[in-house]
Amino acid sequence: MLLSLKRISVHYDKVEVLKNISLGVKEGEIATLIGANGAGKTTTLRAISGLKRPTAGEIWFDARNIAQMNPEKIVEFGIAHVPEGRRVFSNMTVYENIILGAFSRKDKDGIEKDVKERYRQFPRLGERKGQQAGSLSGGEQQMLAIARALMAEPKLMLLDEPTMGLAPLVVNHVAEIIREINQNRVSVLLVEQNARVALRLAAKGYVLETGTIVVSGPSKDIKENDHVKQAYLGG
């Protein structure tokens, strides 16, 4: 197992947001975490990437317990986090945003080669490389956030609501990008309110409700679960 959360709990002050959750992502796998707003999905990703320390439990990644490590060290080990809302640097250019993703790397030639690969992968970014990121459309900003994360050469990518607020055609494009990332040997943990898209992409899924995993298993089985169909797939 590339990533394994073992009985993780997270508190904000005295409020327990995650309650002894366990989940895993295999090498080369797309796994998804679905649930309503406030279920704890974003907190789970923040715990993995070191932005929120767990109050109990272990987080194992590539044979290391990273539960109490700093975010910059976790990035160096191979985890890239694309947060909800894209979070691009609006006043910086597309190129400058992409380069920021390689902050922990020292191989200048490799970095420039990877920038060119990002432009190949995301042609719209290449066309707008000198443009301020804040002037891009929502879909283009999402592509930029993913491109920036890929510059860290991750083994695992954490994607938080990558299709939120996007038009249906753009949602399909982002889904294809996620598939391509995975085909290039990057594992993915996808947090997504659009359960249909998430379960279509992922091999395995977890349903999180009020800080507890209530359903887990292969995506094909989760799609047939009566509770999931009623609550997340429109019956």
Protein backbone atom coordinates (compact mmCIF):
# COMPACT_ATOMS: atom_id res chain seq x y z
CA MET A 1 0.00 0.00 0.00
CA LEU A 2 1.48 3.35 -1.03
CA LEU A 3 -0.67 5.39 1.40
CA SER A 4 -2.30 4.02 4.53
CA LEU A 5 -4.27 5.96 7.14
CA LYS A 6 -4.65 3.99 10.37
CA ARG A 7 -7.32 5.13 12.85
CA ILE A 8 -6.76 8.83 12.21
CA SER A 9 -8.56 11.39 14.38
CA VAL A 10 -8.39 15.14 13.87
CA HIS A 11 -9.72 17.88 16.14
CA TYR A 12 -10.35 21.58 15.62
CA ASP A 13 -10.19 22.86 19.19
CA LYS A 14 -12.50 20.45 21.04
CA VAL A 15 -14.49 19.37 17.99
CA GLU A 16 -13.56 15.95 16.59
CA VAL A 17 -13.77 16.29 12.81
CA LEU A 18 -12.32 12.88 11.87
CA LYS A 19 -13.10 9.88 14.06
CA ASN A 20 -10.70 6.95 13.80
CA ILE A 21 -10.78 6.69 10.01
CA SER A 22 -8.70 4.20 8.05
CA LEU A 23 -8.18 4.12 4.29
CA GLY A 24 -5.54 3.21 1.74
CA VAL A 25 -4.34 3.95 -1.79
CA LYS A 26 -2.30 1.39 -3.70
CA GLU A 27 0.55 2.30 -6.01
CA GLY A 28 -0.86 3.15 -9.44
CA GLU A 29 -4.44 3.42 -8.15
CA ILE A 30 -7.13 6.10 -8.19
CA ALA A 31 -9.15 6.07 -4.97
CA THR A 32 -11.94 8.49 -4.14
CA LEU A 33 -13.40 9.96 -0.98
CA ILE A 34 -16.97 11.19 -1.36
CA GLY A 35 -19.39 12.81 1.05
CA ALA A 36 -21.44 15.90 1.77
CA ASN A 37 -20.06 19.31 2.74
CA GLY A 38 -18.67 19.22 6.25
CA ALA A 39 -18.10 15.46 6.26
CA GLY A 40 -14.34 15.84 6.78
CA LYS A 41 -13.05 15.20 3.26
CA THR A 42 -10.84 18.31 3.03
CA THR A 43 -9.57 17.73 6.57
CA THR A 44 -8.49 14.22 5.53
CA LEU A 45 -6.37 15.61 2.70
CA ARG A 46 -4.96 18.35 4.95
CA ALA A 47 -3.92 15.69 7.46
CA ILE A 48 -2.14 13.68 4.76
CA SER A 49 -0.26 16.69 3.40
CA GLY A 50 0.77 17.95 6.84
CA LEU A 51 -1.42 21.05 6.90
CA LYS A 52 -3.37 19.72 9.90
CA ARG A 53 -1.75 17.43 12.44
CA PRO A 54 -3.79 14.39 13.51
CA THR A 55 -4.51 14.04 17.22
CA ALA A 56 -4.38 10.24 17.00
CA GLY A 57 -3.42 7.53 14.52
CA GLU A 58 -0.75 6.97 11.89
CA ILE A 59 -0.32 8.02 8.26
CA TRP A 60 2.04 5.78 6.35
CA PHE A 61 3.35 6.81 2.95
CA ASP A 62 5.99 4.84 1.06
CA ALA A 63 7.04 3.00 4.26
CA ARG A 64 7.29 6.20 6.39
CA ASN A 65 4.99 7.42 9.13
CA ILE A 66 4.41 11.04 8.03
CA ALA A 67 1.64 11.91 10.52
CA GLN A 68 3.66 14.55 12.38
CA MET A 69 5.91 15.76 9.56
CA ASN A 70 6.01 19.27 8.07
CA PRO A 71 4.29 19.89 4.71
CA GLU A 72 7.52 20.73 2.85
CA LYS A 73 9.08 17.41 3.87
CA ILE A 74 5.94 15.53 2.81
CA VAL A 75 6.15 17.20 -0.64
CA GLU A 76 9.77 16.05 -0.92
CA PHE A 77 8.70 12.48 -0.15
CA GLY A 78 6.30 12.59 -3.11
CA ILE A 79 2.85 13.90 -2.15
CA ALA A 80 1.35 16.87 -4.05
CA HIS A 81 -1.85 18.54 -2.87
CA VAL A 82 -4.19 20.47 -5.19
CA PRO A 83 -6.49 22.27 -2.73
CA GLU A 84 -10.14 23.12 -3.13
CA GLY A 85 -10.69 26.40 -4.97
CA ARG A 86 -7.53 26.02 -7.10
CA ARG A 87 -5.52 28.64 -5.12
CA VAL A 88 -3.38 29.91 -7.97
CA PHE A 89 -1.29 33.06 -7.44
CA SER A 90 -3.48 35.51 -9.33
CA ASN A 91 -0.91 38.30 -9.84
CA MET A 92 1.80 35.94 -11.08
CA THR A 93 2.05 34.61 -14.61
CA VAL A 94 1.09 31.10 -15.66
CA TYR A 95 4.79 30.26 -16.07
CA GLU A 96 5.66 31.61 -12.60
CA ASN A 97 2.87 29.57 -11.02
CA ILE A 98 4.08 26.40 -12.72
CA ILE A 99 7.70 26.96 -11.68
CA LEU A 100 6.63 27.36 -8.04
CA GLY A 101 5.62 23.71 -8.04
CA ALA A 102 9.28 22.74 -8.43
CA PHE A 103 10.47 24.71 -5.37
CA SER A 104 12.05 21.61 -3.76
CA ARG A 105 13.92 20.53 -6.90
CA LYS A 106 17.50 21.43 -7.86
CA ASP A 107 17.68 20.00 -11.40
CA LYS A 108 17.30 23.14 -13.57
CA ASP A 109 17.43 21.26 -16.87
CA GLY A 110 14.84 18.77 -15.65
CA ILE A 111 12.58 21.57 -14.43
CA GLU A 112 12.57 23.33 -17.80
CA LYS A 113 11.96 20.02 -19.56
CA ASP A 114 8.97 19.39 -17.29
CA VAL A 115 7.62 22.91 -17.91
CA LYS A 116 7.57 22.09 -21.63
CA GLU A 117 5.81 18.81 -20.82
CA ARG A 118 3.15 20.71 -18.88
CA TYR A 119 2.58 22.96 -21.90
CA ARG A 120 2.23 19.85 -24.07
CA GLN A 121 -0.18 18.32 -21.58
CA PHE A 122 -2.14 21.57 -21.12
CA PRO A 123 -1.88 23.49 -24.43
CA ARG A 124 -4.04 26.37 -23.16
CA LEU A 125 -1.44 27.07 -20.48
CA GLY A 126 1.29 27.20 -23.10
CA GLU A 127 -0.73 29.73 -25.08
CA ARG A 128 -1.13 31.87 -21.93
CA LYS A 129 2.24 31.34 -20.23
CA GLY A 130 2.93 35.08 -19.93
CA GLN A 131 -0.60 35.93 -18.80
CA GLN A 132 -1.58 36.60 -15.19
CA ALA A 133 -3.14 33.53 -13.62
CA GLY A 134 -6.06 35.53 -12.24
CA SER A 135 -7.24 36.31 -15.77
CA LEU A 136 -7.73 32.61 -16.65
CA SER A 137 -11.11 30.91 -16.68
CA GLY A 138 -12.05 28.58 -13.83
CA GLY A 139 -11.21 25.50 -15.89
CA GLU A 140 -7.85 26.95 -16.95
CA GLN A 141 -7.01 27.80 -13.34
CA GLN A 142 -7.79 24.21 -12.36
CA MET A 143 -5.44 22.95 -15.07
CA LEU A 144 -2.77 25.37 -13.80
CA ALA A 145 -3.15 24.12 -10.23
CA ILE A 146 -2.74 20.52 -11.42
CA ALA A 147 0.22 21.42 -13.66
CA ARG A 148 1.92 23.20 -10.74
CA ALA A 149 1.47 20.13 -8.51
CA LEU A 150 2.92 17.82 -11.18
CA MET A 151 6.13 19.86 -11.18
CA ALA A 152 6.95 18.35 -7.77
CA GLU A 153 7.23 14.91 -9.46
CA PRO A 154 4.71 13.33 -7.07
CA LYS A 155 4.09 9.66 -6.46
CA LEU A 156 0.66 10.56 -5.06
CA MET A 157 -1.60 13.48 -5.94
CA LEU A 158 -4.33 14.70 -3.59
CA LEU A 159 -7.11 16.41 -5.55
CA ASP A 160 -9.73 18.37 -3.61
CA GLU A 161 -12.94 19.06 -5.57
CA PRO A 162 -11.23 19.52 -8.97
CA THR A 163 -14.54 19.82 -10.87
CA MET A 164 -16.29 22.25 -8.51
CA GLY A 165 -18.00 25.11 -10.35
CA LEU A 166 -16.94 23.94 -13.80
CA ALA A 167 -19.13 23.55 -16.88
CA PRO A 168 -19.98 19.94 -17.86
CA LEU A 169 -17.62 19.91 -20.85
CA VAL A 170 -14.77 21.18 -18.67
CA VAL A 171 -15.61 18.56 -16.03
CA ASN A 172 -15.12 15.85 -18.66
CA HIS A 173 -11.79 17.41 -19.69
CA VAL A 174 -10.55 17.49 -16.09
CA ALA A 175 -11.61 13.85 -15.69
CA GLU A 176 -9.51 12.92 -18.73
CA ILE A 177 -6.55 14.82 -17.27
CA ILE A 178 -6.86 12.82 -14.03
CA ARG A 179 -6.87 9.59 -16.04
CA GLU A 180 -3.76 10.68 -17.95
CA ILE A 181 -1.95 11.59 -14.71
CA ASN A 182 -2.71 8.14 -13.35
CA GLN A 183 -1.57 6.45 -16.56
CA ASN A 184 1.78 8.18 -16.03
CA ARG A 185 2.21 6.17 -12.81
CA VAL A 186 0.94 8.79 -10.36
CA SER A 187 -1.49 7.49 -7.75
CA VAL A 188 -4.47 9.73 -6.97
CA LEU A 189 -6.70 10.30 -3.95
CA LEU A 190 -9.68 12.23 -5.26
CA VAL A 191 -12.10 14.18 -3.08
CA GLU A 192 -15.18 14.99 -5.10
CA GLN A 193 -18.80 15.97 -4.49
CA ASN A 194 -19.69 14.83 -7.99
CA ALA A 195 -19.98 11.19 -6.95
CA ARG A 196 -20.79 9.96 -10.45
CA VAL A 197 -17.57 11.37 -11.87
CA ALA A 198 -15.52 10.21 -8.89
CA LEU A 199 -16.78 6.62 -8.95
CA ARG A 200 -16.33 6.46 -12.72
CA LEU A 201 -12.66 7.42 -12.38
CA ALA A 202 -11.70 5.49 -9.26
CA ALA A 203 -11.10 1.80 -8.71
CA LYS A 204 -11.93 2.11 -5.03
CA GLY A 205 -14.06 4.45 -2.94
CA TYR A 206 -14.78 5.58 0.59
CA VAL A 207 -17.91 7.38 1.76
CA LEU A 208 -17.31 9.81 4.62
CA GLU A 209 -20.17 11.07 6.78
CA THR A 210 -19.69 13.31 9.84
CA GLY A 211 -16.08 12.24 10.21
CA THR A 212 -16.65 8.49 9.88
CA ILE A 213 -16.24 6.17 6.90
CA VAL A 214 -19.61 4.46 6.48
CA VAL A 215 -19.11 2.62 3.17
CA SER A 216 -15.94 1.43 1.42
CA GLY A 217 -14.96 -0.96 -1.33
CA PRO A 218 -14.60 -1.24 -5.11
CA SER A 219 -16.30 1.61 -6.94
CA LYS A 220 -18.54 -0.78 -8.88
CA ASP A 221 -19.94 -2.07 -5.56
CA ILE A 222 -20.33 1.39 -4.04
CA LYS A 223 -22.38 2.50 -7.06
CA GLU A 224 -24.84 -0.31 -6.30
CA ASN A 225 -25.10 0.48 -2.59
CA ASP A 226 -28.65 1.62 -1.79
CA HIS A 227 -27.57 4.32 0.66
CA VAL A 228 -25.02 5.75 -1.80
CA LYS A 229 -27.52 5.71 -4.64
CA GLN A 230 -30.09 7.55 -2.56
CA ALA A 231 -27.74 10.08 -0.94
CA TYR A 232 -25.17 10.78 -3.65
CA LEU A 233 -26.34 9.43 -7.02
CA GLY A 234 -29.86 10.80 -7.13
CA GLY A 235 -31.59 7.53 -6.38
